[in-house]
N, C-alpha and C. Protein backbone atom coordinates (compact mmCIF):
# COMPACT_ATOMS: atom_id res chain seq x y z
N MET A 1 -7.38 13.77 19.92
CA MET A 1 -8.48 12.83 20.01
C MET A 1 -9.72 13.49 20.61
N LYS A 2 -9.84 14.81 20.48
CA LYS A 2 -10.98 15.50 21.06
C LYS A 2 -12.31 15.02 20.49
N CYS A 3 -12.28 14.63 19.22
CA CYS A 3 -13.51 14.21 18.57
C CYS A 3 -13.83 12.76 18.84
N LEU A 4 -12.92 12.02 19.45
CA LEU A 4 -13.07 10.60 19.67
C LEU A 4 -14.35 10.30 20.43
N LEU A 5 -15.27 9.55 19.80
CA LEU A 5 -16.53 9.17 20.41
C LEU A 5 -17.27 10.39 20.95
N LYS A 6 -17.36 11.43 20.13
CA LYS A 6 -17.90 12.72 20.53
C LYS A 6 -19.28 12.61 21.17
N TYR A 7 -20.18 11.87 20.56
CA TYR A 7 -21.53 11.74 21.07
C TYR A 7 -21.70 10.48 21.92
N SER A 8 -20.61 9.71 22.06
CA SER A 8 -20.77 8.38 22.62
C SER A 8 -20.25 8.23 24.03
N VAL A 9 -19.23 9.00 24.39
CA VAL A 9 -18.60 8.80 25.68
C VAL A 9 -18.52 10.12 26.42
N ILE A 10 -18.94 10.14 27.66
CA ILE A 10 -18.87 11.34 28.48
C ILE A 10 -17.41 11.72 28.69
N PRO A 11 -17.03 12.98 28.47
CA PRO A 11 -15.62 13.37 28.49
C PRO A 11 -14.83 12.94 29.71
N PHE A 12 -15.42 13.02 30.93
CA PHE A 12 -14.62 12.68 32.10
C PHE A 12 -14.31 11.19 32.16
N ILE A 13 -15.12 10.36 31.50
CA ILE A 13 -14.84 8.93 31.46
C ILE A 13 -13.57 8.69 30.66
N LEU A 14 -13.40 9.41 29.56
CA LEU A 14 -12.24 9.22 28.71
C LEU A 14 -10.94 9.61 29.40
N LEU A 15 -11.02 10.43 30.44
CA LEU A 15 -9.82 10.84 31.15
C LEU A 15 -9.32 9.79 32.12
N ASN A 16 -10.14 8.80 32.38
CA ASN A 16 -9.79 7.77 33.34
C ASN A 16 -9.35 6.51 32.61
N SER A 17 -8.07 6.10 32.79
CA SER A 17 -7.54 4.96 32.04
C SER A 17 -8.28 3.67 32.37
N GLY A 18 -8.70 3.52 33.62
CA GLY A 18 -9.45 2.33 33.99
C GLY A 18 -10.76 2.25 33.26
N CYS A 19 -11.43 3.39 33.13
CA CYS A 19 -12.69 3.43 32.39
C CYS A 19 -12.47 3.17 30.91
N LYS A 20 -11.33 3.62 30.38
CA LYS A 20 -11.03 3.36 28.98
C LYS A 20 -11.00 1.86 28.71
N LEU A 21 -10.34 1.13 29.62
CA LEU A 21 -10.26 -0.31 29.44
C LEU A 21 -11.63 -0.94 29.60
N PHE A 22 -12.42 -0.40 30.53
CA PHE A 22 -13.76 -0.91 30.77
C PHE A 22 -14.63 -0.71 29.53
N LEU A 23 -14.40 0.42 28.85
CA LEU A 23 -15.19 0.72 27.66
C LEU A 23 -14.64 0.03 26.41
N GLY A 24 -13.49 -0.61 26.54
CA GLY A 24 -12.91 -1.27 25.39
C GLY A 24 -11.90 -0.43 24.65
N ILE A 25 -11.45 0.68 25.26
CA ILE A 25 -10.42 1.52 24.65
C ILE A 25 -9.10 1.19 25.33
N ARG A 26 -8.15 0.67 24.57
CA ARG A 26 -6.89 0.19 25.12
C ARG A 26 -5.80 1.25 24.98
N PRO A 27 -4.68 1.09 25.69
CA PRO A 27 -3.55 2.02 25.51
C PRO A 27 -3.07 2.02 24.07
N VAL A 28 -2.65 3.18 23.59
CA VAL A 28 -2.16 3.31 22.22
C VAL A 28 -0.73 2.79 22.14
N LYS A 29 -0.49 1.85 21.23
CA LYS A 29 0.85 1.28 21.05
C LYS A 29 1.18 1.23 19.56
N GLU A 30 2.48 1.31 19.28
CA GLU A 30 2.93 1.17 17.91
C GLU A 30 2.86 -0.30 17.51
N LEU A 31 2.40 -0.56 16.28
CA LEU A 31 2.26 -1.92 15.79
C LEU A 31 3.14 -2.14 14.55
N ASN A 32 3.82 -3.28 14.49
CA ASN A 32 4.50 -3.63 13.26
C ASN A 32 3.53 -4.40 12.36
N THR A 33 3.96 -4.71 11.16
CA THR A 33 3.04 -5.34 10.21
C THR A 33 2.57 -6.72 10.68
N SER A 34 3.43 -7.44 11.37
CA SER A 34 3.03 -8.77 11.89
C SER A 34 1.93 -8.63 12.92
N GLN A 35 2.04 -7.62 13.78
CA GLN A 35 1.00 -7.40 14.79
C GLN A 35 -0.30 -6.93 14.16
N ILE A 36 -0.20 -6.06 13.16
CA ILE A 36 -1.41 -5.61 12.46
C ILE A 36 -2.10 -6.80 11.82
N LYS A 37 -1.31 -7.67 11.19
CA LYS A 37 -1.87 -8.86 10.55
C LYS A 37 -2.55 -9.76 11.57
N GLU A 38 -1.94 -9.89 12.75
CA GLU A 38 -2.51 -10.73 13.81
C GLU A 38 -3.88 -10.22 14.24
N TYR A 39 -3.98 -8.92 14.51
CA TYR A 39 -5.26 -8.36 14.96
C TYR A 39 -6.26 -8.30 13.82
N ALA A 40 -5.79 -8.10 12.61
CA ALA A 40 -6.70 -8.10 11.45
C ALA A 40 -7.35 -9.47 11.30
N GLN A 41 -6.60 -10.51 11.52
CA GLN A 41 -7.15 -11.86 11.42
C GLN A 41 -8.25 -12.09 12.45
N LYS A 42 -8.09 -11.48 13.63
CA LYS A 42 -9.13 -11.60 14.65
C LYS A 42 -10.43 -10.92 14.20
N LEU A 43 -10.30 -9.97 13.30
CA LEU A 43 -11.47 -9.28 12.74
C LEU A 43 -11.90 -9.88 11.41
N HIS A 44 -11.30 -11.01 11.06
CA HIS A 44 -11.61 -11.73 9.82
C HIS A 44 -11.32 -10.89 8.58
N ILE A 45 -10.21 -10.14 8.65
CA ILE A 45 -9.75 -9.34 7.52
C ILE A 45 -8.67 -10.14 6.79
N SER A 46 -8.84 -10.34 5.50
CA SER A 46 -7.86 -11.10 4.73
C SER A 46 -6.62 -10.26 4.49
N ASP A 47 -5.49 -10.92 4.26
CA ASP A 47 -4.23 -10.21 4.03
C ASP A 47 -4.32 -9.30 2.81
N SER A 48 -5.02 -9.72 1.78
CA SER A 48 -5.10 -8.93 0.55
C SER A 48 -5.91 -7.64 0.73
N GLU A 49 -6.70 -7.57 1.81
CA GLU A 49 -7.53 -6.38 2.07
C GLU A 49 -7.01 -5.57 3.25
N SER A 50 -5.84 -5.94 3.77
CA SER A 50 -5.32 -5.34 5.00
C SER A 50 -4.24 -4.30 4.70
N TYR A 51 -4.40 -3.09 5.28
CA TYR A 51 -3.49 -1.97 5.05
C TYR A 51 -3.28 -1.23 6.36
N TYR A 52 -2.35 -0.26 6.34
CA TYR A 52 -2.17 0.62 7.49
C TYR A 52 -1.72 1.99 6.99
N VAL A 53 -1.91 3.01 7.83
CA VAL A 53 -1.42 4.36 7.54
C VAL A 53 -0.43 4.76 8.62
N ASP A 54 0.49 5.66 8.26
CA ASP A 54 1.51 6.12 9.20
C ASP A 54 1.70 7.62 9.06
N SER A 55 2.90 8.12 9.35
CA SER A 55 3.15 9.56 9.35
C SER A 55 2.93 10.21 7.99
N LEU A 56 3.01 9.45 6.92
CA LEU A 56 2.76 9.99 5.58
C LEU A 56 1.33 10.52 5.48
N TYR A 57 0.40 9.79 6.08
CA TYR A 57 -1.01 10.21 6.13
C TYR A 57 -1.15 11.50 6.93
N THR A 58 -0.48 11.55 8.08
CA THR A 58 -0.55 12.74 8.93
C THR A 58 0.02 13.96 8.23
N LYS A 59 1.15 13.80 7.57
CA LYS A 59 1.77 14.92 6.87
C LYS A 59 0.87 15.47 5.76
N TYR A 60 0.16 14.58 5.10
CA TYR A 60 -0.77 15.02 4.06
C TYR A 60 -1.88 15.88 4.66
N LEU A 61 -2.42 15.47 5.79
CA LEU A 61 -3.51 16.22 6.43
C LEU A 61 -3.06 17.59 6.92
N ILE A 62 -1.81 17.69 7.34
CA ILE A 62 -1.29 18.97 7.85
C ILE A 62 -1.39 20.06 6.79
N ASN A 63 -1.29 19.68 5.53
CA ASN A 63 -1.38 20.65 4.44
C ASN A 63 -2.73 21.36 4.39
N TYR A 64 -3.75 20.73 4.98
CA TYR A 64 -5.10 21.28 4.94
C TYR A 64 -5.54 21.82 6.30
N ALA A 65 -4.63 21.86 7.26
CA ALA A 65 -4.99 22.13 8.66
C ALA A 65 -5.65 23.48 8.86
N THR A 66 -5.22 24.52 8.15
CA THR A 66 -5.77 25.85 8.38
C THR A 66 -7.06 26.10 7.60
N THR A 67 -7.17 25.50 6.43
CA THR A 67 -8.33 25.75 5.57
C THR A 67 -9.52 24.87 5.90
N TYR A 68 -9.24 23.61 6.26
CA TYR A 68 -10.31 22.64 6.50
C TYR A 68 -10.20 22.07 7.91
N ARG A 69 -10.27 22.93 8.91
CA ARG A 69 -10.02 22.50 10.29
C ARG A 69 -11.02 21.44 10.75
N ARG A 70 -12.30 21.66 10.52
CA ARG A 70 -13.32 20.71 10.97
C ARG A 70 -13.18 19.39 10.22
N GLU A 71 -12.95 19.46 8.93
CA GLU A 71 -12.81 18.25 8.13
C GLU A 71 -11.58 17.44 8.54
N ILE A 72 -10.50 18.15 8.88
CA ILE A 72 -9.28 17.48 9.29
C ILE A 72 -9.52 16.67 10.56
N LYS A 73 -10.29 17.20 11.50
CA LYS A 73 -10.59 16.46 12.72
C LYS A 73 -11.28 15.14 12.40
N ASN A 74 -12.17 15.17 11.42
CA ASN A 74 -12.84 13.93 11.02
C ASN A 74 -11.86 12.92 10.47
N HIS A 75 -10.96 13.36 9.61
CA HIS A 75 -10.03 12.44 8.95
C HIS A 75 -8.94 11.93 9.90
N TYR A 76 -8.81 12.55 11.06
CA TYR A 76 -7.86 12.08 12.06
C TYR A 76 -8.46 10.98 12.95
N GLN A 77 -9.73 10.70 12.84
CA GLN A 77 -10.38 9.76 13.75
C GLN A 77 -9.97 8.32 13.46
N PRO A 78 -9.92 7.48 14.50
CA PRO A 78 -9.44 6.10 14.34
C PRO A 78 -10.41 5.18 13.61
N LEU A 79 -11.71 5.48 13.69
CA LEU A 79 -12.72 4.64 13.04
C LEU A 79 -13.46 5.46 11.99
N GLN A 80 -13.36 5.04 10.75
CA GLN A 80 -14.01 5.75 9.65
C GLN A 80 -14.45 4.75 8.58
N ILE A 81 -15.46 5.14 7.82
CA ILE A 81 -15.86 4.40 6.63
C ILE A 81 -16.01 5.40 5.49
N LEU A 82 -15.31 5.17 4.40
CA LEU A 82 -15.35 6.06 3.25
C LEU A 82 -15.74 5.26 2.01
N TYR A 83 -16.74 5.76 1.29
CA TYR A 83 -17.21 5.12 0.06
C TYR A 83 -16.89 6.03 -1.13
N PHE A 84 -16.20 5.47 -2.11
CA PHE A 84 -15.82 6.22 -3.31
C PHE A 84 -16.46 5.58 -4.54
N ASN A 85 -16.80 6.42 -5.53
CA ASN A 85 -17.30 5.88 -6.79
C ASN A 85 -16.15 5.65 -7.76
N ASN A 86 -16.45 5.17 -8.96
CA ASN A 86 -15.38 4.87 -9.91
C ASN A 86 -14.90 6.10 -10.66
N ARG A 87 -15.37 7.27 -10.24
CA ARG A 87 -14.82 8.54 -10.74
C ARG A 87 -13.87 9.16 -9.72
N ASP A 88 -13.49 8.34 -8.72
CA ASP A 88 -12.47 8.73 -7.75
C ASP A 88 -12.99 9.72 -6.71
N GLN A 89 -14.32 9.80 -6.53
CA GLN A 89 -14.93 10.79 -5.65
C GLN A 89 -15.49 10.15 -4.38
N LEU A 90 -15.29 10.82 -3.26
CA LEU A 90 -15.92 10.41 -2.01
C LEU A 90 -17.41 10.72 -2.08
N ILE A 91 -18.25 9.72 -1.84
CA ILE A 91 -19.70 9.93 -1.97
C ILE A 91 -20.46 9.63 -0.68
N SER A 92 -19.81 8.95 0.27
CA SER A 92 -20.47 8.65 1.54
C SER A 92 -19.39 8.53 2.61
N TYR A 93 -19.63 9.18 3.77
CA TYR A 93 -18.57 9.29 4.78
C TYR A 93 -19.16 9.13 6.17
N HIS A 94 -18.46 8.33 7.00
CA HIS A 94 -18.94 8.02 8.35
C HIS A 94 -17.75 7.99 9.31
N VAL A 95 -17.90 8.64 10.47
CA VAL A 95 -16.80 8.82 11.42
C VAL A 95 -17.30 8.49 12.83
N ASN A 96 -16.41 7.93 13.67
CA ASN A 96 -16.82 7.52 15.01
C ASN A 96 -17.40 8.66 15.84
N CYS A 97 -17.00 9.90 15.55
CA CYS A 97 -17.51 11.05 16.32
C CYS A 97 -19.03 11.11 16.33
N TYR A 98 -19.63 10.69 15.21
CA TYR A 98 -21.05 10.92 15.00
C TYR A 98 -21.89 9.67 15.22
N ALA A 99 -21.23 8.54 15.52
CA ALA A 99 -21.97 7.34 15.89
C ALA A 99 -22.53 7.53 17.30
N ARG A 100 -23.59 6.81 17.63
CA ARG A 100 -24.22 6.95 18.94
C ARG A 100 -23.97 5.70 19.78
N GLY A 101 -24.03 5.88 21.11
CA GLY A 101 -23.86 4.74 21.99
C GLY A 101 -22.68 4.91 22.92
N LEU A 102 -22.54 3.98 23.86
CA LEU A 102 -21.47 4.01 24.86
C LEU A 102 -20.66 2.72 24.78
N PHE A 103 -21.25 1.61 25.21
CA PHE A 103 -20.54 0.34 25.16
C PHE A 103 -20.55 -0.26 23.76
N THR A 104 -21.53 0.14 22.96
CA THR A 104 -21.62 -0.26 21.56
C THR A 104 -21.90 0.98 20.74
N LEU A 105 -21.18 1.16 19.64
CA LEU A 105 -21.44 2.29 18.76
C LEU A 105 -22.49 1.92 17.73
N HIS A 106 -23.49 2.76 17.59
CA HIS A 106 -24.57 2.54 16.63
C HIS A 106 -24.33 3.44 15.42
N TRP A 107 -23.88 2.83 14.34
CA TRP A 107 -23.58 3.58 13.12
C TRP A 107 -24.83 3.84 12.30
N ASN A 108 -25.86 3.06 12.52
CA ASN A 108 -27.07 3.11 11.68
C ASN A 108 -28.22 3.81 12.39
N PHE A 109 -27.90 4.78 13.24
CA PHE A 109 -28.94 5.38 14.10
C PHE A 109 -29.96 6.20 13.32
N LEU A 110 -29.63 6.59 12.10
CA LEU A 110 -30.59 7.30 11.24
C LEU A 110 -30.97 6.44 10.03
N ASN A 111 -30.75 5.14 10.16
CA ASN A 111 -31.02 4.19 9.07
C ASN A 111 -30.22 4.49 7.81
N GLN A 112 -29.03 5.09 8.00
CA GLN A 112 -28.19 5.42 6.85
C GLN A 112 -27.78 4.17 6.07
N PHE A 113 -27.59 3.07 6.81
CA PHE A 113 -27.05 1.86 6.20
C PHE A 113 -28.13 0.91 5.69
N GLU A 114 -29.33 1.42 5.54
CA GLU A 114 -30.41 0.61 4.97
C GLU A 114 -30.41 0.69 3.45
N GLN A 115 -29.44 1.36 2.88
CA GLN A 115 -29.29 1.45 1.43
C GLN A 115 -27.81 1.38 1.10
N PHE A 116 -27.52 1.12 -0.19
CA PHE A 116 -26.12 1.14 -0.63
C PHE A 116 -26.00 2.03 -1.86
N PRO A 117 -25.00 2.94 -1.84
CA PRO A 117 -24.13 3.25 -0.69
C PRO A 117 -24.94 3.92 0.41
N PRO A 118 -24.50 3.82 1.65
CA PRO A 118 -25.24 4.44 2.75
C PRO A 118 -25.34 5.96 2.58
N LYS A 119 -26.40 6.51 3.13
CA LYS A 119 -26.51 7.96 3.17
C LYS A 119 -25.42 8.51 4.09
N SER A 120 -24.70 9.50 3.63
CA SER A 120 -23.55 10.00 4.38
C SER A 120 -23.97 10.61 5.71
N THR A 121 -23.26 10.23 6.78
CA THR A 121 -23.49 10.80 8.10
C THR A 121 -22.76 12.12 8.25
N VAL A 122 -21.60 12.23 7.60
CA VAL A 122 -20.73 13.39 7.71
C VAL A 122 -20.69 14.12 6.38
N HIS A 123 -20.50 15.44 6.44
CA HIS A 123 -20.35 16.22 5.22
C HIS A 123 -19.25 15.63 4.35
N VAL A 124 -19.54 15.41 3.08
CA VAL A 124 -18.56 14.85 2.15
C VAL A 124 -17.64 15.98 1.68
N ASP A 125 -16.34 15.85 1.98
CA ASP A 125 -15.37 16.87 1.59
C ASP A 125 -14.52 16.36 0.43
N THR A 126 -13.59 17.18 0.01
CA THR A 126 -12.75 16.82 -1.15
C THR A 126 -11.28 16.68 -0.76
N ILE A 127 -11.00 16.50 0.52
CA ILE A 127 -9.61 16.35 0.96
C ILE A 127 -8.97 15.10 0.35
N PHE A 128 -9.76 14.03 0.29
CA PHE A 128 -9.25 12.79 -0.27
C PHE A 128 -10.06 12.35 -1.48
N SER A 129 -9.38 12.11 -2.59
CA SER A 129 -9.91 11.25 -3.63
C SER A 129 -9.47 9.84 -3.26
N PHE A 130 -10.06 8.84 -3.89
CA PHE A 130 -9.65 7.49 -3.54
C PHE A 130 -8.20 7.23 -3.96
N SER A 131 -7.81 7.70 -5.12
CA SER A 131 -6.45 7.46 -5.59
C SER A 131 -5.41 8.10 -4.67
N LYS A 132 -5.74 9.28 -4.12
CA LYS A 132 -4.81 9.93 -3.19
C LYS A 132 -4.72 9.14 -1.88
N LEU A 133 -5.86 8.72 -1.36
CA LEU A 133 -5.86 7.96 -0.12
C LEU A 133 -5.14 6.62 -0.32
N LEU A 134 -5.36 5.99 -1.44
CA LEU A 134 -4.70 4.71 -1.72
C LEU A 134 -3.19 4.86 -1.75
N TYR A 135 -2.72 5.99 -2.25
CA TYR A 135 -1.28 6.26 -2.29
C TYR A 135 -0.69 6.32 -0.88
N LEU A 136 -1.49 6.75 0.10
CA LEU A 136 -1.01 6.90 1.48
C LEU A 136 -1.16 5.63 2.30
N MET A 137 -1.79 4.61 1.74
CA MET A 137 -2.03 3.36 2.44
C MET A 137 -0.95 2.34 2.09
N HIS A 138 -0.44 1.65 3.13
CA HIS A 138 0.59 0.63 2.92
C HIS A 138 -0.03 -0.75 3.07
N PRO A 139 0.14 -1.63 2.10
CA PRO A 139 -0.37 -3.00 2.26
C PRO A 139 0.41 -3.76 3.33
N VAL A 140 -0.28 -4.54 4.11
CA VAL A 140 0.36 -5.32 5.16
C VAL A 140 1.14 -6.49 4.57
N SER A 141 0.69 -7.00 3.45
CA SER A 141 1.37 -8.12 2.80
C SER A 141 1.55 -7.84 1.32
N ASN A 142 2.30 -8.68 0.64
CA ASN A 142 2.56 -8.51 -0.78
C ASN A 142 1.31 -8.72 -1.64
N SER A 143 0.28 -9.30 -1.05
CA SER A 143 -0.95 -9.56 -1.80
C SER A 143 -1.86 -8.33 -1.87
N GLY A 144 -1.49 -7.25 -1.15
CA GLY A 144 -2.29 -6.04 -1.19
C GLY A 144 -2.23 -5.37 -2.56
N ASN A 145 -3.29 -4.66 -2.91
CA ASN A 145 -3.39 -4.02 -4.22
C ASN A 145 -3.38 -2.51 -4.06
N ASN A 146 -2.40 -1.83 -4.63
CA ASN A 146 -2.33 -0.37 -4.55
C ASN A 146 -2.61 0.29 -5.90
N GLN A 147 -3.49 -0.32 -6.67
CA GLN A 147 -3.88 0.23 -7.96
C GLN A 147 -5.35 0.62 -7.93
N PHE A 148 -5.64 1.80 -8.48
CA PHE A 148 -7.02 2.26 -8.57
C PHE A 148 -7.71 1.52 -9.70
N ASN A 149 -8.73 0.75 -9.38
CA ASN A 149 -9.40 -0.09 -10.35
C ASN A 149 -10.68 0.57 -10.84
N LEU A 150 -10.64 1.11 -12.05
CA LEU A 150 -11.80 1.79 -12.63
C LEU A 150 -12.93 0.82 -12.97
N ASN A 151 -12.60 -0.46 -13.03
CA ASN A 151 -13.62 -1.45 -13.36
C ASN A 151 -14.52 -1.76 -12.17
N ARG A 152 -14.12 -1.34 -11.00
CA ARG A 152 -14.95 -1.51 -9.80
C ARG A 152 -15.82 -0.28 -9.64
N LYS A 153 -17.11 -0.47 -9.46
CA LYS A 153 -18.00 0.69 -9.35
C LYS A 153 -17.79 1.44 -8.04
N TYR A 154 -17.43 0.71 -6.98
CA TYR A 154 -17.23 1.34 -5.68
C TYR A 154 -15.93 0.85 -5.04
N SER A 155 -15.32 1.74 -4.28
CA SER A 155 -14.17 1.41 -3.44
C SER A 155 -14.51 1.83 -2.02
N ILE A 156 -14.35 0.92 -1.09
CA ILE A 156 -14.74 1.17 0.30
C ILE A 156 -13.50 1.08 1.17
N VAL A 157 -13.27 2.10 1.98
CA VAL A 157 -12.12 2.14 2.88
C VAL A 157 -12.63 2.17 4.32
N VAL A 158 -12.20 1.21 5.11
CA VAL A 158 -12.64 1.09 6.51
C VAL A 158 -11.44 1.27 7.42
N PHE A 159 -11.45 2.32 8.23
CA PHE A 159 -10.38 2.57 9.20
C PHE A 159 -10.74 1.88 10.51
N TRP A 160 -9.80 1.09 11.04
CA TRP A 160 -10.02 0.41 12.31
C TRP A 160 -8.75 0.51 13.16
N SER A 161 -8.86 0.17 14.43
CA SER A 161 -7.68 0.24 15.31
C SER A 161 -7.71 -0.87 16.34
N LYS A 162 -6.52 -1.27 16.76
CA LYS A 162 -6.40 -2.25 17.83
C LYS A 162 -6.76 -1.63 19.17
N PHE A 163 -6.41 -0.32 19.35
CA PHE A 163 -6.70 0.29 20.66
C PHE A 163 -8.20 0.55 20.85
N MET A 164 -8.96 0.40 19.76
CA MET A 164 -10.43 0.42 19.86
C MET A 164 -10.98 -0.84 19.20
N LEU A 165 -10.39 -1.97 19.54
CA LEU A 165 -10.73 -3.23 18.88
C LEU A 165 -12.20 -3.60 19.05
N ARG A 166 -12.70 -3.38 20.24
CA ARG A 166 -14.11 -3.71 20.51
C ARG A 166 -15.04 -2.94 19.58
N TYR A 167 -14.77 -1.65 19.42
CA TYR A 167 -15.60 -0.83 18.55
C TYR A 167 -15.34 -1.13 17.08
N SER A 168 -14.11 -1.56 16.77
CA SER A 168 -13.78 -1.92 15.39
C SER A 168 -14.60 -3.12 14.94
N LYS A 169 -14.83 -4.06 15.84
CA LYS A 169 -15.63 -5.24 15.50
C LYS A 169 -17.04 -4.83 15.08
N GLY A 170 -17.64 -3.92 15.85
CA GLY A 170 -18.99 -3.46 15.52
C GLY A 170 -19.02 -2.69 14.20
N LEU A 171 -17.98 -1.90 13.98
CA LEU A 171 -17.86 -1.14 12.74
C LEU A 171 -17.83 -2.06 11.53
N ILE A 172 -16.97 -3.08 11.58
CA ILE A 172 -16.83 -4.00 10.46
C ILE A 172 -18.10 -4.82 10.25
N LYS A 173 -18.75 -5.17 11.34
CA LYS A 173 -20.02 -5.89 11.23
C LYS A 173 -21.05 -5.05 10.49
N GLN A 174 -21.09 -3.74 10.79
CA GLN A 174 -22.04 -2.85 10.11
C GLN A 174 -21.73 -2.76 8.61
N VAL A 175 -20.45 -2.66 8.28
CA VAL A 175 -20.04 -2.59 6.88
C VAL A 175 -20.45 -3.86 6.14
N ASN A 176 -20.17 -5.01 6.74
CA ASN A 176 -20.50 -6.28 6.09
C ASN A 176 -21.99 -6.48 5.92
N GLU A 177 -22.77 -6.03 6.89
CA GLU A 177 -24.22 -6.12 6.76
C GLU A 177 -24.71 -5.27 5.60
N ASN A 178 -24.13 -4.08 5.46
CA ASN A 178 -24.54 -3.17 4.39
C ASN A 178 -24.16 -3.72 3.02
N LEU A 179 -23.05 -4.46 2.95
CA LEU A 179 -22.59 -5.01 1.67
C LEU A 179 -23.57 -6.03 1.09
N LYS A 180 -24.44 -6.57 1.92
CA LYS A 180 -25.45 -7.51 1.44
C LYS A 180 -26.44 -6.83 0.49
N LEU A 181 -26.47 -5.49 0.52
CA LEU A 181 -27.42 -4.75 -0.31
C LEU A 181 -26.87 -4.39 -1.68
N ILE A 182 -25.59 -4.64 -1.91
CA ILE A 182 -24.96 -4.20 -3.14
C ILE A 182 -25.08 -5.25 -4.24
N ASN A 183 -25.35 -4.77 -5.44
CA ASN A 183 -25.42 -5.65 -6.61
C ASN A 183 -24.34 -5.31 -7.62
N ASP A 184 -23.49 -4.35 -7.29
CA ASP A 184 -22.44 -3.90 -8.19
C ASP A 184 -21.07 -4.36 -7.69
N SER A 185 -20.08 -4.21 -8.55
CA SER A 185 -18.71 -4.61 -8.19
C SER A 185 -18.11 -3.59 -7.21
N TYR A 186 -17.24 -4.06 -6.33
CA TYR A 186 -16.59 -3.18 -5.37
C TYR A 186 -15.26 -3.77 -4.93
N SER A 187 -14.41 -2.91 -4.39
CA SER A 187 -13.19 -3.31 -3.70
C SER A 187 -13.27 -2.75 -2.29
N ILE A 188 -12.71 -3.49 -1.33
CA ILE A 188 -12.76 -3.02 0.06
C ILE A 188 -11.36 -3.09 0.66
N TYR A 189 -11.04 -2.09 1.49
CA TYR A 189 -9.72 -1.94 2.08
C TYR A 189 -9.89 -1.67 3.57
N PHE A 190 -9.29 -2.50 4.41
CA PHE A 190 -9.35 -2.31 5.85
C PHE A 190 -8.02 -1.74 6.31
N VAL A 191 -8.06 -0.54 6.89
CA VAL A 191 -6.84 0.23 7.15
C VAL A 191 -6.66 0.43 8.65
N ASN A 192 -5.55 -0.05 9.18
CA ASN A 192 -5.25 0.12 10.60
C ASN A 192 -4.69 1.52 10.87
N THR A 193 -5.15 2.15 11.95
CA THR A 193 -4.77 3.54 12.26
C THR A 193 -3.95 3.69 13.53
N ASP A 194 -3.55 2.60 14.17
CA ASP A 194 -2.88 2.69 15.47
C ASP A 194 -1.61 3.53 15.42
N ASN A 195 -0.83 3.40 14.37
CA ASN A 195 0.48 4.06 14.35
C ASN A 195 0.40 5.58 14.24
N ILE A 196 -0.63 6.11 13.58
CA ILE A 196 -0.74 7.58 13.55
C ILE A 196 -1.14 8.10 14.92
N TYR A 197 -1.90 7.32 15.68
CA TYR A 197 -2.26 7.74 17.04
C TYR A 197 -1.08 7.58 17.99
N PHE A 198 -0.29 6.54 17.79
CA PHE A 198 0.90 6.36 18.62
C PHE A 198 1.88 7.51 18.40
N GLN A 199 2.08 7.90 17.16
CA GLN A 199 3.00 9.00 16.84
C GLN A 199 2.51 10.31 17.45
N LYS A 200 1.20 10.52 17.40
CA LYS A 200 0.63 11.73 17.97
C LYS A 200 0.78 11.72 19.49
N HIS A 201 0.53 10.56 20.11
CA HIS A 201 0.66 10.42 21.56
C HIS A 201 2.12 10.62 21.99
N LEU A 202 3.04 10.04 21.23
CA LEU A 202 4.47 10.18 21.55
C LEU A 202 4.91 11.62 21.41
N SER A 203 4.48 12.30 20.38
CA SER A 203 4.85 13.70 20.16
C SER A 203 4.34 14.58 21.31
N GLN A 204 3.11 14.33 21.77
CA GLN A 204 2.56 15.13 22.87
C GLN A 204 3.30 14.84 24.16
N SER A 205 3.71 13.59 24.38
CA SER A 205 4.47 13.23 25.59
C SER A 205 5.82 13.92 25.63
N LEU A 206 6.50 13.98 24.48
CA LEU A 206 7.80 14.64 24.42
C LEU A 206 7.67 16.14 24.66
N GLN A 207 6.59 16.73 24.17
CA GLN A 207 6.37 18.16 24.37
C GLN A 207 6.10 18.49 25.83
N ASN A 208 5.48 17.55 26.54
CA ASN A 208 5.14 17.78 27.95
C ASN A 208 6.32 17.57 28.88
N ASN A 209 7.37 16.90 28.39
CA ASN A 209 8.55 16.63 29.23
C ASN A 209 9.58 17.75 29.14
């Protein structure tokens, strides 16, 4: 989590658990699908748009660890927004590392979100096509759609987490505000990331014991 809130939180604050809670960063816990659904509802995410990632996502990233080290750090972050076109290509990318602010993250600090799709904050890489990312996403309910729809001009993937619920609210608000600018068809997917962070935290704890 070295990149977590890179420009937003002073490093020594992140080392203090009390400050984490004060800033809205909660302890990392494993979530089952019922719990993910519960917190998704608090963010006004419908069941049909609700997904999560687990160790399958992590294993995929490990394949690129030596070649794309900087890019991998971005894709490991708990809060992300990825915009894909109907040719399966990532065209706009935003990660919590590069948002500004402390108690509130400002995603639009360069007016990136004044257009649709937003101007990319982060270098657009080729680690994920939309179809590959969709394969690694698990729907929270049976109403989720795991098919790549070529009839939609854009596919938007929003990574959020319960352990950063406060910041997730601001992230989703920014996405929804930006969607008011679109006149084309799109699909949107809200993906919970808590379990990949829990697995990473658990693995580090076992190594330290």
